[in-house]
Amino acid sequence: MEEIDEIKEVINKINMRNSGSKDYQKMKIEELSANMREVMKFQQDIIQRIEDFEVKGLQHDLTNYAKTICKNTTEREILKIQDVYLKKIETEYLK
């Protein structure tokens, strides 16, 4: 049962990140870059934890669900940051 609680904790961590949306429009390019690195690090760490659960053979369906929502959540956030980042670079450096 403890393993299931660990997986649920990871899922809650992912969901909490999703609800903590930031206003990227107000950030500077350097802040956006730092946020991008932080999101990618978060994704790597969570995927590593999920893969550890898979190696242990824990709750295959639950680990697949966790991996899917992690990828969807972080990729959505990365796309938001990239969109703002590229627009800011275009307006500040290319015009």
PDB file of N, CA and C in Angstrom:
ATOM      1  N   MET A   1       0.815  -1.205   0.000  1.00  0.00           N
ATOM      2  CA  MET A   1       0.000   0.000   0.000  1.00  0.00           C
ATOM      3  C   MET A   1       0.856   1.267   0.000  1.00  0.00           C
ATOM      4  N   GLU A   2       2.009   1.186   0.635  1.00  0.00           N
ATOM      5  CA  GLU A   2       2.887   2.350   0.722  1.00  0.00           C
ATOM      6  C   GLU A   2       3.344   2.811  -0.660  1.00  0.00           C
ATOM      7  N   GLU A   3       3.578   1.857  -1.551  1.00  0.00           N
ATOM      8  CA  GLU A   3       4.026   2.188  -2.903  1.00  0.00           C
ATOM      9  C   GLU A   3       2.952   2.950  -3.668  1.00  0.00           C
ATOM     10  N   ILE A   4       1.703   2.535  -3.487  1.00  0.00           N
ATOM     11  CA  ILE A   4       0.595   3.232  -4.150  1.00  0.00           C
ATOM     12  C   ILE A   4       0.520   4.668  -3.653  1.00  0.00           C
ATOM     13  N   ASP A   5       0.732   4.857  -2.352  1.00  0.00           N
ATOM     14  CA  ASP A   5       0.723   6.210  -1.791  1.00  0.00           C
ATOM     15  C   ASP A   5       1.845   7.057  -2.379  1.00  0.00           C
ATOM     16  N   GLU A   6       3.003   6.438  -2.624  1.00  0.00           N
ATOM     17  CA  GLU A   6       4.119   7.167  -3.230  1.00  0.00           C
ATOM     18  C   GLU A   6       3.769   7.611  -4.648  1.00  0.00           C
ATOM     19  N   ILE A   7       3.147   6.729  -5.400  1.00  0.00           N
ATOM     20  CA  ILE A   7       2.749   7.073  -6.771  1.00  0.00           C
ATOM     21  C   ILE A   7       1.707   8.186  -6.742  1.00  0.00           C
ATOM     22  N   LYS A   8       0.752   8.084  -5.828  1.00  0.00           N
ATOM     23  CA  LYS A   8      -0.272   9.126  -5.698  1.00  0.00           C
ATOM     24  C   LYS A   8       0.351  10.458  -5.297  1.00  0.00           C
ATOM     25  N   GLU A   9       1.381  10.403  -4.465  1.00  0.00           N
ATOM     26  CA  GLU A   9       2.090  11.623  -4.069  1.00  0.00           C
ATOM     27  C   GLU A   9       2.739  12.294  -5.284  1.00  0.00           C
ATOM     28  N   VAL A  10       3.330  11.484  -6.155  1.00  0.00           N
ATOM     29  CA  VAL A  10       3.941  12.007  -7.382  1.00  0.00           C
ATOM     30  C   VAL A  10       2.868  12.639  -8.266  1.00  0.00           C
ATOM     31  N   ILE A  11       1.734  11.971  -8.398  1.00  0.00           N
ATOM     32  CA  ILE A  11       0.632  12.506  -9.205  1.00  0.00           C
ATOM     33  C   ILE A  11       0.139  13.829  -8.626  1.00  0.00           C
ATOM     34  N   ASN A  12       0.017  13.902  -7.309  1.00  0.00           N
ATOM     35  CA  ASN A  12      -0.402  15.154  -6.667  1.00  0.00           C
ATOM     36  C   ASN A  12       0.614  16.266  -6.903  1.00  0.00           C
ATOM     37  N   LYS A  13       1.891  15.915  -6.868  1.00  0.00           N
ATOM     38  CA  LYS A  13       2.951  16.895  -7.125  1.00  0.00           C
ATOM     39  C   LYS A  13       2.821  17.462  -8.540  1.00  0.00           C
ATOM     40  N   ILE A  14       2.528  16.587  -9.493  1.00  0.00           N
ATOM     41  CA  ILE A  14       2.342  17.016 -10.884  1.00  0.00           C
ATOM     42  C   ILE A  14       1.130  17.935 -10.990  1.00  0.00           C
ATOM     43  N   ASN A  15       0.039  17.532 -10.371  1.00  0.00           N
ATOM     44  CA  ASN A  15      -1.189  18.332 -10.425  1.00  0.00           C
ATOM     45  C   ASN A  15      -1.027  19.680  -9.737  1.00  0.00           C
ATOM     46  N   MET A  16      -0.269  19.732  -8.647  1.00  0.00           N
ATOM     47  CA  MET A  16      -0.025  21.001  -7.959  1.00  0.00           C
ATOM     48  C   MET A  16       0.774  21.944  -8.856  1.00  0.00           C
ATOM     49  N   ARG A  17       1.699  21.399  -9.586  1.00  0.00           N
ATOM     50  CA  ARG A  17       2.495  22.215 -10.508  1.00  0.00           C
ATOM     51  C   ARG A  17       1.594  22.821 -11.575  1.00  0.00           C
ATOM     52  N   ASN A  18       0.639  22.037 -12.051  1.00  0.00           N
ATOM     53  CA  ASN A  18      -0.291  22.486 -13.080  1.00  0.00           C
ATOM     54  C   ASN A  18      -1.134  23.653 -12.585  1.00  0.00           C
ATOM     55  N   SER A  19      -1.530  23.624 -11.312  1.00  0.00           N
ATOM     56  CA  SER A  19      -2.391  24.683 -10.791  1.00  0.00           C
ATOM     57  C   SER A  19      -1.609  25.953 -10.474  1.00  0.00           C
ATOM     58  N   GLY A  20      -0.280  25.862 -10.395  1.00  0.00           N
ATOM     59  CA  GLY A  20       0.541  27.022 -10.067  1.00  0.00           C
ATOM     60  C   GLY A  20       1.023  27.762 -11.294  1.00  0.00           C
ATOM     61  N   SER A  21       0.152  28.009 -12.239  1.00  0.00           N
ATOM     62  CA  SER A  21       0.516  28.653 -13.490  1.00  0.00           C
ATOM     63  C   SER A  21       1.076  30.057 -13.244  1.00  0.00           C
ATOM     64  N   LYS A  22       2.128  30.395 -13.960  1.00  0.00           N
ATOM     65  CA  LYS A  22       2.791  31.688 -13.801  1.00  0.00           C
ATOM     66  C   LYS A  22       2.432  32.600 -14.965  1.00  0.00           C
ATOM     67  N   ASP A  23       2.626  33.902 -14.749  1.00  0.00           N
ATOM     68  CA  ASP A  23       2.373  34.874 -15.808  1.00  0.00           C
ATOM     69  C   ASP A  23       3.681  35.120 -16.558  1.00  0.00           C
ATOM     70  N   TYR A  24       3.896  34.341 -17.589  1.00  0.00           N
ATOM     71  CA  TYR A  24       5.149  34.402 -18.331  1.00  0.00           C
ATOM     72  C   TYR A  24       5.294  35.696 -19.127  1.00  0.00           C
ATOM     73  N   GLN A  25       4.193  36.339 -19.465  1.00  0.00           N
ATOM     74  CA  GLN A  25       4.243  37.578 -20.242  1.00  0.00           C
ATOM     75  C   GLN A  25       5.009  38.678 -19.502  1.00  0.00           C
ATOM     76  N   LYS A  26       4.967  38.664 -18.193  1.00  0.00           N
ATOM     77  CA  LYS A  26       5.599  39.719 -17.396  1.00  0.00           C
ATOM     78  C   LYS A  26       7.066  39.438 -17.089  1.00  0.00           C
ATOM     79  N   MET A  27       7.535  38.264 -17.449  1.00  0.00           N
ATOM     80  CA  MET A  27       8.911  37.879 -17.131  1.00  0.00           C
ATOM     81  C   MET A  27       9.889  38.366 -18.189  1.00  0.00           C
ATOM     82  N   LYS A  28      11.123  38.544 -17.750  1.00  0.00           N
ATOM     83  CA  LYS A  28      12.208  38.886 -18.662  1.00  0.00           C
ATOM     84  C   LYS A  28      12.712  37.600 -19.319  1.00  0.00           C
ATOM     85  N   ILE A  29      13.486  37.768 -20.378  1.00  0.00           N
ATOM     86  CA  ILE A  29      14.006  36.622 -21.124  1.00  0.00           C
ATOM     87  C   ILE A  29      14.817  35.698 -20.215  1.00  0.00           C
ATOM     88  N   GLU A  30      15.631  36.273 -19.343  1.00  0.00           N
ATOM     89  CA  GLU A  30      16.453  35.470 -18.441  1.00  0.00           C
ATOM     90  C   GLU A  30      15.588  34.647 -17.492  1.00  0.00           C
ATOM     91  N   GLU A  31      14.504  35.242 -17.010  1.00  0.00           N
ATOM     92  CA  GLU A  31      13.589  34.528 -16.119  1.00  0.00           C
ATOM     93  C   GLU A  31      12.889  33.394 -16.861  1.00  0.00           C
ATOM     94  N   LEU A  32      12.505  33.655 -18.092  1.00  0.00           N
ATOM     95  CA  LEU A  32      11.860  32.620 -18.902  1.00  0.00           C
ATOM     96  C   LEU A  32      12.807  31.445 -19.125  1.00  0.00           C
ATOM     97  N   SER A  33      14.054  31.760 -19.414  1.00  0.00           N
ATOM     98  CA  SER A  33      15.053  30.721 -19.631  1.00  0.00           C
ATOM     99  C   SER A  33      15.242  29.879 -18.369  1.00  0.00           C
ATOM    100  N   ALA A  34      15.310  30.535 -17.224  1.00  0.00           N
ATOM    101  CA  ALA A  34      15.451  29.820 -15.952  1.00  0.00           C
ATOM    102  C   ALA A  34      14.232  28.948 -15.678  1.00  0.00           C
ATOM    103  N   ASN A  35      13.050  29.470 -15.984  1.00  0.00           N
ATOM    104  CA  ASN A  35      11.823  28.692 -15.796  1.00  0.00           C
ATOM    105  C   ASN A  35      11.802  27.479 -16.714  1.00  0.00           C
ATOM    106  N   MET A  36      12.266  27.654 -17.936  1.00  0.00           N
ATOM    107  CA  MET A  36      12.315  26.545 -18.890  1.00  0.00           C
ATOM    108  C   MET A  36      13.216  25.430 -18.352  1.00  0.00           C
ATOM    109  N   ARG A  37      14.393  25.806 -17.864  1.00  0.00           N
ATOM    110  CA  ARG A  37      15.304  24.811 -17.297  1.00  0.00           C
ATOM    111  C   ARG A  37      14.680  24.116 -16.086  1.00  0.00           C
ATOM    112  N   GLU A  38      13.992  24.883 -15.259  1.00  0.00           N
ATOM    113  CA  GLU A  38      13.373  24.329 -14.057  1.00  0.00           C
ATOM    114  C   GLU A  38      12.266  23.336 -14.408  1.00  0.00           C
ATOM    115  N   VAL A  39      11.465  23.648 -15.413  1.00  0.00           N
ATOM    116  CA  VAL A  39      10.389  22.749 -15.843  1.00  0.00           C
ATOM    117  C   VAL A  39      10.976  21.460 -16.412  1.00  0.00           C
ATOM    118  N   MET A  40      12.021  21.579 -17.217  1.00  0.00           N
ATOM    119  CA  MET A  40      12.638  20.385 -17.796  1.00  0.00           C
ATOM    120  C   MET A  40      13.278  19.518 -16.707  1.00  0.00           C
ATOM    121  N   LYS A  41      13.884  20.147 -15.713  1.00  0.00           N
ATOM    122  CA  LYS A  41      14.470  19.406 -14.583  1.00  0.00           C
ATOM    123  C   LYS A  41      13.375  18.694 -13.805  1.00  0.00           C
ATOM    124  N   PHE A  42      12.261  19.384 -13.560  1.00  0.00           N
ATOM    125  CA  PHE A  42      11.120  18.789 -12.874  1.00  0.00           C
ATOM    126  C   PHE A  42      10.639  17.554 -13.632  1.00  0.00           C
ATOM    127  N   GLN A  43      10.495  17.688 -14.949  1.00  0.00           N
ATOM    128  CA  GLN A  43      10.032  16.573 -15.773  1.00  0.00           C
ATOM    129  C   GLN A  43      10.997  15.388 -15.676  1.00  0.00           C
ATOM    130  N   GLN A  44      12.285  15.650 -15.771  1.00  0.00           N
ATOM    131  CA  GLN A  44      13.277  14.575 -15.686  1.00  0.00           C
ATOM    132  C   GLN A  44      13.207  13.864 -14.339  1.00  0.00           C
ATOM    133  N   ASP A  45      13.112  14.640 -13.262  1.00  0.00           N
ATOM    134  CA  ASP A  45      13.063  14.055 -11.921  1.00  0.00           C
ATOM    135  C   ASP A  45      11.825  13.187 -11.726  1.00  0.00           C
ATOM    136  N   ILE A  46      10.678  13.692 -12.156  1.00  0.00           N
ATOM    137  CA  ILE A  46       9.429  12.948 -11.986  1.00  0.00           C
ATOM    138  C   ILE A  46       9.432  11.688 -12.852  1.00  0.00           C
ATOM    139  N   ILE A  47       9.862  11.800 -14.093  1.00  0.00           N
ATOM    140  CA  ILE A  47       9.915  10.630 -14.978  1.00  0.00           C
ATOM    141  C   ILE A  47      10.863   9.578 -14.391  1.00  0.00           C
ATOM    142  N   GLN A  48      11.977  10.020 -13.810  1.00  0.00           N
ATOM    143  CA  GLN A  48      12.914   9.077 -13.185  1.00  0.00           C
ATOM    144  C   GLN A  48      12.250   8.345 -12.019  1.00  0.00           C
ATOM    145  N   ARG A  49      11.517   9.074 -11.192  1.00  0.00           N
ATOM    146  CA  ARG A  49      10.810   8.433 -10.068  1.00  0.00           C
ATOM    147  C   ARG A  49       9.781   7.428 -10.574  1.00  0.00           C
ATOM    148  N   ILE A  50       9.058   7.806 -11.619  1.00  0.00           N
ATOM    149  CA  ILE A  50       8.041   6.908 -12.178  1.00  0.00           C
ATOM    150  C   ILE A  50       8.700   5.658 -12.761  1.00  0.00           C
ATOM    151  N   GLU A  51       9.824   5.836 -13.446  1.00  0.00           N
ATOM    152  CA  GLU A  51      10.527   4.684 -14.005  1.00  0.00           C
ATOM    153  C   GLU A  51      11.050   3.767 -12.904  1.00  0.00           C
ATOM    154  N   ASP A  52      11.431   4.339 -11.768  1.00  0.00           N
ATOM    155  CA  ASP A  52      11.832   3.518 -10.624  1.00  0.00           C
ATOM    156  C   ASP A  52      10.661   2.666 -10.136  1.00  0.00           C
ATOM    157  N   PHE A  53       9.467   3.257 -10.126  1.00  0.00           N
ATOM    158  CA  PHE A  53       8.272   2.495  -9.749  1.00  0.00           C
ATOM    159  C   PHE A  53       8.025   1.360 -10.743  1.00  0.00           C
ATOM    160  N   GLU A  54       8.236   1.645 -12.026  1.00  0.00           N
ATOM    161  CA  GLU A  54       8.028   0.626 -13.060  1.00  0.00           C
ATOM    162  C   GLU A  54       9.000  -0.537 -12.894  1.00  0.00           C
ATOM    163  N   VAL A  55      10.255  -0.217 -12.563  1.00  0.00           N
ATOM    164  CA  VAL A  55      11.266  -1.257 -12.361  1.00  0.00           C
ATOM    165  C   VAL A  55      10.860  -2.165 -11.199  1.00  0.00           C
ATOM    166  N   LYS A  56      10.281  -1.566 -10.171  1.00  0.00           N
ATOM    167  CA  LYS A  56       9.816  -2.347  -9.019  1.00  0.00           C
ATOM    168  C   LYS A  56       8.556  -3.146  -9.349  1.00  0.00           C
ATOM    169  N   GLY A  57       7.954  -2.862 -10.493  1.00  0.00           N
ATOM    170  CA  GLY A  57       6.747  -3.577 -10.905  1.00  0.00           C
ATOM    171  C   GLY A  57       5.493  -3.107 -10.198  1.00  0.00           C
ATOM    172  N   LEU A  58       5.469  -1.841  -9.839  1.00  0.00           N
ATOM    173  CA  LEU A  58       4.349  -1.304  -9.066  1.00  0.00           C
ATOM    174  C   LEU A  58       3.251  -0.746  -9.953  1.00  0.00           C
ATOM    175  N   GLN A  59       2.047  -1.171  -9.729  1.00  0.00           N
ATOM    176  CA  GLN A  59       0.836  -0.577 -10.302  1.00  0.00           C
ATOM    177  C   GLN A  59       1.049  -0.036 -11.718  1.00  0.00           C
ATOM    178  N   HIS A  60       1.163  -0.932 -12.654  1.00  0.00           N
ATOM    179  CA  HIS A  60       1.466  -0.569 -14.044  1.00  0.00           C
ATOM    180  C   HIS A  60       0.526   0.520 -14.584  1.00  0.00           C
ATOM    181  N   ASP A  61      -0.772   0.373 -14.359  1.00  0.00           N
ATOM    182  CA  ASP A  61      -1.736   1.364 -14.868  1.00  0.00           C
ATOM    183  C   ASP A  61      -1.525   2.729 -14.229  1.00  0.00           C
ATOM    184  N   LEU A  62      -1.284   2.729 -12.925  1.00  0.00           N
ATOM    185  CA  LEU A  62      -1.099   3.987 -12.205  1.00  0.00           C
ATOM    186  C   LEU A  62       0.201   4.677 -12.622  1.00  0.00           C
ATOM    187  N   THR A  63       1.269   3.904 -12.828  1.00  0.00           N
ATOM    188  CA  THR A  63       2.529   4.513 -13.268  1.00  0.00           C
ATOM    189  C   THR A  63       2.411   5.057 -14.691  1.00  0.00           C
ATOM    190  N   ASN A  64       1.691   4.356 -15.555  1.00  0.00           N
ATOM    191  CA  ASN A  64       1.465   4.874 -16.913  1.00  0.00           C
ATOM    192  C   ASN A  64       0.666   6.168 -16.876  1.00  0.00           C
ATOM    193  N   TYR A  65      -0.340   6.210 -16.017  1.00  0.00           N
ATOM    194  CA  TYR A  65      -1.147   7.426 -15.859  1.00  0.00           C
ATOM    195  C   TYR A  65      -0.268   8.579 -15.376  1.00  0.00           C
ATOM    196  N   ALA A  66       0.561   8.321 -14.383  1.00  0.00           N
ATOM    197  CA  ALA A  66       1.443   9.358 -13.843  1.00  0.00           C
ATOM    198  C   ALA A  66       2.403   9.871 -14.914  1.00  0.00           C
ATOM    199  N   LYS A  67       2.959   8.956 -15.691  1.00  0.00           N
ATOM    200  CA  LYS A  67       3.897   9.351 -16.746  1.00  0.00           C
ATOM    201  C   LYS A  67       3.192  10.201 -17.804  1.00  0.00           C
ATOM    202  N   THR A  68       1.978   9.806 -18.161  1.00  0.00           N
ATOM    203  CA  THR A  68       1.215  10.538 -19.174  1.00  0.00           C
ATOM    204  C   THR A  68       0.879  11.946 -18.711  1.00  0.00           C
ATOM    205  N   ILE A  69       0.377  12.085 -17.480  1.00  0.00           N
ATOM    206  CA  ILE A  69       0.022  13.438 -17.031  1.00  0.00           C
ATOM    207  C   ILE A  69       1.258  14.290 -16.813  1.00  0.00           C
ATOM    208  N   CYS A  70       2.369  13.672 -16.429  1.00  0.00           N
ATOM    209  CA  CYS A  70       3.612  14.432 -16.274  1.00  0.00           C
ATOM    210  C   CYS A  70       4.050  14.997 -17.619  1.00  0.00           C
ATOM    211  N   LYS A  71       4.066  14.148 -18.630  1.00  0.00           N
ATOM    212  CA  LYS A  71       4.483  14.607 -19.958  1.00  0.00           C
ATOM    213  C   LYS A  71       3.535  15.677 -20.491  1.00  0.00           C
ATOM    214  N   ASN A  72       2.249  15.451 -20.361  1.00  0.00           N
ATOM    215  CA  ASN A  72       1.275  16.424 -20.867  1.00  0.00           C
ATOM    216  C   ASN A  72       1.387  17.760 -20.143  1.00  0.00           C
ATOM    217  N   THR A  73       1.481  17.712 -18.832  1.00  0.00           N
ATOM    218  CA  THR A  73       1.541  18.936 -18.032  1.00  0.00           C
ATOM    219  C   THR A  73       2.809  19.725 -18.319  1.00  0.00           C
ATOM    220  N   THR A  74       3.954  19.050 -18.288  1.00  0.00           N
ATOM    221  CA  THR A  74       5.212  19.770 -18.486  1.00  0.00           C
ATOM    222  C   THR A  74       5.376  20.233 -19.929  1.00  0.00           C
ATOM    223  N   GLU A  75       4.944  19.430 -20.886  1.00  0.00           N
ATOM    224  CA  GLU A  75       5.057  19.853 -22.283  1.00  0.00           C
ATOM    225  C   GLU A  75       4.163  21.058 -22.567  1.00  0.00           C
ATOM    226  N   ARG A  76       3.000  21.093 -21.958  1.00  0.00           N
ATOM    227  CA  ARG A  76       2.109  22.247 -22.120  1.00  0.00           C
ATOM    228  C   ARG A  76       2.773  23.500 -21.535  1.00  0.00           C
ATOM    229  N   GLU A  77       3.393  23.345 -20.372  1.00  0.00           N
ATOM    230  CA  GLU A  77       4.063  24.481 -19.745  1.00  0.00           C
ATOM    231  C   GLU A  77       5.273  24.926 -20.563  1.00  0.00           C
ATOM    232  N   ILE A  78       6.036  23.980 -21.076  1.00  0.00           N
ATOM    233  CA  ILE A  78       7.194  24.305 -21.908  1.00  0.00           C
ATOM    234  C   ILE A  78       6.755  25.059 -23.159  1.00  0.00           C
ATOM    235  N   LEU A  79       5.672  24.630 -23.781  1.00  0.00           N
ATOM    236  CA  LEU A  79       5.173  25.320 -24.973  1.00  0.00           C
ATOM    237  C   LEU A  79       4.752  26.751 -24.665  1.00  0.00           C
ATOM    238  N   LYS A  80       4.124  26.973 -23.519  1.00  0.00           N
ATOM    239  CA  LYS A  80       3.740  28.335 -23.124  1.00  0.00           C
ATOM    240  C   LYS A  80       4.976  29.211 -22.973  1.00  0.00           C
ATOM    241  N   ILE A  81       5.983  28.673 -22.283  1.00  0.00           N
ATOM    242  CA  ILE A  81       7.210  29.441 -22.062  1.00  0.00           C
ATOM    243  C   ILE A  81       7.901  29.719 -23.393  1.00  0.00           C
ATOM    244  N   GLN A  82       8.005  28.709 -24.250  1.00  0.00           N
ATOM    245  CA  GLN A  82       8.664  28.885 -25.547  1.00  0.00           C
ATOM    246  C   GLN A  82       7.978  29.951 -26.381  1.00  0.00           C
ATOM    247  N   ASP A  83       6.670  29.946 -26.376  1.00  0.00           N
ATOM    248  CA  ASP A  83       5.910  30.920 -27.158  1.00  0.00           C
ATOM    249  C   ASP A  83       6.246  32.341 -26.710  1.00  0.00           C
ATOM    250  N   VAL A  84       6.186  32.576 -25.419  1.00  0.00           N
ATOM    251  CA  VAL A  84       6.489  33.909 -24.888  1.00  0.00           C
ATOM    252  C   VAL A  84       7.962  34.237 -25.111  1.00  0.00           C
ATOM    253  N   TYR A  85       8.836  33.280 -24.868  1.00  0.00           N
ATOM    254  CA  TYR A  85      10.276  33.459 -25.015  1.00  0.00           C
ATOM    255  C   TYR A  85      10.635  33.897 -26.437  1.00  0.00           C
ATOM    256  N   LEU A  86      10.106  33.189 -27.413  1.00  0.00           N
ATOM    257  CA  LEU A  86      10.409  33.519 -28.810  1.00  0.00           C
ATOM    258  C   LEU A  86       9.854  34.881 -29.209  1.00  0.00           C
ATOM    259  N   LYS A  87       8.668  35.221 -28.734  1.00  0.00           N
ATOM    260  CA  LYS A  87       8.097  36.538 -29.028  1.00  0.00           C
ATOM    261  C   LYS A  87       8.943  37.645 -28.416  1.00  0.00           C
ATOM    262  N   LYS A  88       9.414  37.438 -27.195  1.00  0.00           N
ATOM    263  CA  LYS A  88      10.239  38.455 -26.539  1.00  0.00           C
ATOM    264  C   LYS A  88      11.585  38.609 -27.239  1.00  0.00           C
ATOM    265  N   ILE A  89      12.175  37.513 -27.650  1.00  0.00           N
ATOM    266  CA  ILE A  89      13.443  37.589 -28.385  1.00  0.00           C
ATOM    267  C   ILE A  89      13.236  38.343 -29.688  1.00  0.00           C
ATOM    268  N   GLU A  90      12.146  38.047 -30.365  1.00  0.00           N
ATOM    269  CA  GLU A  90      11.850  38.720 -31.627  1.00  0.00           C
ATOM    270  C   GLU A  90      11.683  40.221 -31.420  1.00  0.00           C
ATOM    271  N   THR A  91      10.935  40.620 -30.417  1.00  0.00           N
ATOM    272  CA  THR A  91      10.686  42.049 -30.214  1.00  0.00           C
ATOM    273  C   THR A  91      11.906  42.781 -29.663  1.00  0.00           C
ATOM    274  N   GLU A  92      12.692  42.126 -28.809  1.00  0.00           N
ATOM    275  CA  GLU A  92      13.819  42.816 -28.184  1.00  0.00           C
ATOM    276  C   GLU A  92      15.091  42.797 -29.015  1.00  0.00           C
ATOM    277  N   TYR A  93      15.311  41.740 -29.771  1.00  0.00           N
ATOM    278  CA  TYR A  93      16.591  41.601 -30.453  1.00  0.00           C
ATOM    279  C   TYR A  93      16.518  41.641 -31.974  1.00  0.00           C
ATOM    280  N   LEU A  94      15.396  41.283 -32.540  1.00  0.00           N
ATOM    281  CA  LEU A  94      15.336  41.182 -33.994  1.00  0.00           C
ATOM    282  C   LEU A  94      14.693  42.379 -34.672  1.00  0.00           C
ATOM    283  N   LYS A  95      14.101  43.266 -33.916  1.00  0.00           N
ATOM    284  CA  LYS A  95      13.464  44.432 -34.534  1.00  0.00           C
ATOM    285  C   LYS A  95      14.201  45.693 -34.216  1.00  0.00           C
TER     286      LYS A  95
END
